[in-house]
Amino acid sequence: DARIIGNGLRGSVTKKLQDAYFDVVYGRNEKYASMLTYI
């Protein structure tokens, strides 16, 4: 809806969550590598 929340930038907690998520889904976190299905 194009509404800016706060200063419009992601905060430190959001960055940590996003980094952890992308590490898992892109196979960069070995702990969860067995849960991925490559196509």
PDB file of N, CA and C in Angstrom:
ATOM      1  N   ASP A   1       0.811  -1.190   0.000  1.00  0.00           N
ATOM      2  CA  ASP A   1       0.000   0.000   0.000  1.00  0.00           C
ATOM      3  C   ASP A   1       0.858   1.260   0.000  1.00  0.00           C
ATOM      4  N   ALA A   2       2.166   1.093  -0.163  1.00  0.00           N
ATOM      5  CA  ALA A   2       3.113   2.211  -0.295  1.00  0.00           C
ATOM      6  C   ALA A   2       3.179   3.117   0.926  1.00  0.00           C
ATOM      7  N   ARG A   3       2.885   2.586   2.088  1.00  0.00           N
ATOM      8  CA  ARG A   3       2.980   3.380   3.319  1.00  0.00           C
ATOM      9  C   ARG A   3       4.313   3.087   4.001  1.00  0.00           C
ATOM     10  N   ILE A   4       5.011   4.115   4.350  1.00  0.00           N
ATOM     11  CA  ILE A   4       6.292   3.954   5.033  1.00  0.00           C
ATOM     12  C   ILE A   4       6.041   3.835   6.529  1.00  0.00           C
ATOM     13  N   ILE A   5       6.628   2.812   7.123  1.00  0.00           N
ATOM     14  CA  ILE A   5       6.526   2.586   8.560  1.00  0.00           C
ATOM     15  C   ILE A   5       7.856   3.000   9.185  1.00  0.00           C
ATOM     16  N   GLY A   6       7.800   3.787  10.233  1.00  0.00           N
ATOM     17  CA  GLY A   6       9.026   4.251  10.889  1.00  0.00           C
ATOM     18  C   GLY A   6       9.866   5.066   9.931  1.00  0.00           C
ATOM     19  N   ASN A   7      11.162   4.722   9.837  1.00  0.00           N
ATOM     20  CA  ASN A   7      12.050   5.453   8.937  1.00  0.00           C
ATOM     21  C   ASN A   7      12.122   4.819   7.552  1.00  0.00           C
ATOM     22  N   GLY A   8      11.360   3.753   7.333  1.00  0.00           N
ATOM     23  CA  GLY A   8      11.325   3.107   6.031  1.00  0.00           C
ATOM     24  C   GLY A   8      12.412   2.080   5.806  1.00  0.00           C
ATOM     25  N   LEU A   9      13.289   1.917   6.769  1.00  0.00           N
ATOM     26  CA  LEU A   9      14.378   0.950   6.657  1.00  0.00           C
ATOM     27  C   LEU A   9      14.110  -0.239   7.571  1.00  0.00           C
ATOM     28  N   ARG A  10      14.673  -1.386   7.218  1.00  0.00           N
ATOM     29  CA  ARG A  10      14.500  -2.541   8.093  1.00  0.00           C
ATOM     30  C   ARG A  10      15.392  -2.381   9.316  1.00  0.00           C
ATOM     31  N   GLY A  11      14.897  -2.860  10.433  1.00  0.00           N
ATOM     32  CA  GLY A  11      15.646  -2.766  11.679  1.00  0.00           C
ATOM     33  C   GLY A  11      16.586  -3.938  11.856  1.00  0.00           C
ATOM     34  N   SER A  12      17.311  -3.938  12.955  1.00  0.00           N
ATOM     35  CA  SER A  12      18.318  -4.977  13.192  1.00  0.00           C
ATOM     36  C   SER A  12      17.689  -6.357  13.383  1.00  0.00           C
ATOM     37  N   VAL A  13      16.533  -6.421  14.037  1.00  0.00           N
ATOM     38  CA  VAL A  13      15.869  -7.714  14.252  1.00  0.00           C
ATOM     39  C   VAL A  13      15.372  -8.269  12.923  1.00  0.00           C
ATOM     40  N   THR A  14      14.758  -7.420  12.113  1.00  0.00           N
ATOM     41  CA  THR A  14      14.280  -7.853  10.799  1.00  0.00           C
ATOM     42  C   THR A  14      15.435  -8.329   9.937  1.00  0.00           C
ATOM     43  N   LYS A  15      16.567  -7.635   9.977  1.00  0.00           N
ATOM     44  CA  LYS A  15      17.731  -8.047   9.196  1.00  0.00           C
ATOM     45  C   LYS A  15      18.221  -9.423   9.633  1.00  0.00           C
ATOM     46  N   LYS A  16      18.272  -9.664  10.933  1.00  0.00           N
ATOM     47  CA  LYS A  16      18.717 -10.970  11.432  1.00  0.00           C
ATOM     48  C   LYS A  16      17.768 -12.077  10.986  1.00  0.00           C
ATOM     49  N   LEU A  17      16.459 -11.815  11.069  1.00  0.00           N
ATOM     50  CA  LEU A  17      15.475 -12.809  10.638  1.00  0.00           C
ATOM     51  C   LEU A  17      15.583 -13.081   9.142  1.00  0.00           C
ATOM     52  N   GLN A  18      15.694 -12.027   8.345  1.00  0.00           N
ATOM     53  CA  GLN A  18      15.817 -12.201   6.900  1.00  0.00           C
ATOM     54  C   GLN A  18      17.094 -12.943   6.543  1.00  0.00           C
ATOM     55  N   ASP A  19      18.193 -12.586   7.160  1.00  0.00           N
ATOM     56  CA  ASP A  19      19.462 -13.264   6.882  1.00  0.00           C
ATOM     57  C   ASP A  19      19.371 -14.751   7.216  1.00  0.00           C
ATOM     58  N   ALA A  20      18.785 -15.077   8.366  1.00  0.00           N
ATOM     59  CA  ALA A  20      18.640 -16.480   8.768  1.00  0.00           C
ATOM     60  C   ALA A  20      17.738 -17.227   7.789  1.00  0.00           C
ATOM     61  N   TYR A  21      16.630 -16.616   7.406  1.00  0.00           N
ATOM     62  CA  TYR A  21      15.689 -17.236   6.464  1.00  0.00           C
ATOM     63  C   TYR A  21      16.371 -17.513   5.125  1.00  0.00           C
ATOM     64  N   PHE A  22      17.028 -16.501   4.564  1.00  0.00           N
ATOM     65  CA  PHE A  22      17.660 -16.680   3.263  1.00  0.00           C
ATOM     66  C   PHE A  22      18.815 -17.671   3.323  1.00  0.00           C
ATOM     67  N   ASP A  23      19.526 -17.747   4.430  1.00  0.00           N
ATOM     68  CA  ASP A  23      20.575 -18.753   4.580  1.00  0.00           C
ATOM     69  C   ASP A  23      19.990 -20.158   4.497  1.00  0.00           C
ATOM     70  N   VAL A  24      18.820 -20.366   5.067  1.00  0.00           N
ATOM     71  CA  VAL A  24      18.171 -21.679   5.013  1.00  0.00           C
ATOM     72  C   VAL A  24      17.672 -21.970   3.606  1.00  0.00           C
ATOM     73  N   VAL A  25      16.888 -21.074   3.023  1.00  0.00           N
ATOM     74  CA  VAL A  25      16.260 -21.376   1.737  1.00  0.00           C
ATOM     75  C   VAL A  25      17.242 -21.421   0.573  1.00  0.00           C
ATOM     76  N   TYR A  26      18.409 -20.782   0.718  1.00  0.00           N
ATOM     77  CA  TYR A  26      19.414 -20.849  -0.338  1.00  0.00           C
ATOM     78  C   TYR A  26      20.506 -21.867  -0.044  1.00  0.00           C
ATOM     79  N   GLY A  27      20.319 -22.699   0.992  1.00  0.00           N
ATOM     80  CA  GLY A  27      21.240 -23.789   1.272  1.00  0.00           C
ATOM     81  C   GLY A  27      22.546 -23.379   1.910  1.00  0.00           C
ATOM     82  N   ARG A  28      22.603 -22.215   2.509  1.00  0.00           N
ATOM     83  CA  ARG A  28      23.840 -21.753   3.145  1.00  0.00           C
ATOM     84  C   ARG A  28      23.925 -22.153   4.612  1.00  0.00           C
ATOM     85  N   ASN A  29      22.881 -22.769   5.153  1.00  0.00           N
ATOM     86  CA  ASN A  29      22.876 -23.217   6.545  1.00  0.00           C
ATOM     87  C   ASN A  29      22.817 -24.744   6.535  1.00  0.00           C
ATOM     88  N   GLU A  30      23.950 -25.370   6.818  1.00  0.00           N
ATOM     89  CA  GLU A  30      24.056 -26.834   6.764  1.00  0.00           C
ATOM     90  C   GLU A  30      23.077 -27.537   7.700  1.00  0.00           C
ATOM     91  N   LYS A  31      22.698 -26.885   8.781  1.00  0.00           N
ATOM     92  CA  LYS A  31      21.792 -27.495   9.751  1.00  0.00           C
ATOM     93  C   LYS A  31      20.468 -27.897   9.097  1.00  0.00           C
ATOM     94  N   TYR A  32      20.031 -27.138   8.108  1.00  0.00           N
ATOM     95  CA  TYR A  32      18.741 -27.391   7.474  1.00  0.00           C
ATOM     96  C   TYR A  32      18.863 -27.876   6.033  1.00  0.00           C
ATOM     97  N   ALA A  33      20.046 -28.218   5.599  1.00  0.00           N
ATOM     98  CA  ALA A  33      20.264 -28.637   4.213  1.00  0.00           C
ATOM     99  C   ALA A  33      19.437 -29.863   3.845  1.00  0.00           C
ATOM    100  N   SER A  34      19.214 -30.759   4.779  1.00  0.00           N
ATOM    101  CA  SER A  34      18.455 -31.977   4.481  1.00  0.00           C
ATOM    102  C   SER A  34      16.973 -31.700   4.253  1.00  0.00           C
ATOM    103  N   MET A  35      16.515 -30.522   4.605  1.00  0.00           N
ATOM    104  CA  MET A  35      15.103 -30.182   4.432  1.00  0.00           C
ATOM    105  C   MET A  35      14.814 -29.576   3.059  1.00  0.00           C
ATOM    106  N   LEU A  36      15.858 -29.317   2.274  1.00  0.00           N
ATOM    107  CA  LEU A  36      15.679 -28.693   0.969  1.00  0.00           C
ATOM    108  C   LEU A  36      15.454 -29.738  -0.107  1.00  0.00           C
ATOM    109  N   THR A  37      14.641 -29.387  -1.071  1.00  0.00           N
ATOM    110  CA  THR A  37      14.437 -30.209  -2.253  1.00  0.00           C
ATOM    111  C   THR A  37      14.831 -29.372  -3.456  1.00  0.00           C
ATOM    112  N   TYR A  38      15.907 -29.742  -4.106  1.00  0.00           N
ATOM    113  CA  TYR A  38      16.389 -28.987  -5.258  1.00  0.00           C
ATOM    114  C   TYR A  38      15.640 -29.423  -6.499  1.00  0.00           C
ATOM    115  N   ILE A  39      15.256 -28.456  -7.283  1.00  0.00           N
ATOM    116  CA  ILE A  39      14.542 -28.765  -8.532  1.00  0.00           C
ATOM    117  C   ILE A  39      15.264 -28.153  -9.709  1.00  0.00           C
TER     118      ILE A  39
END
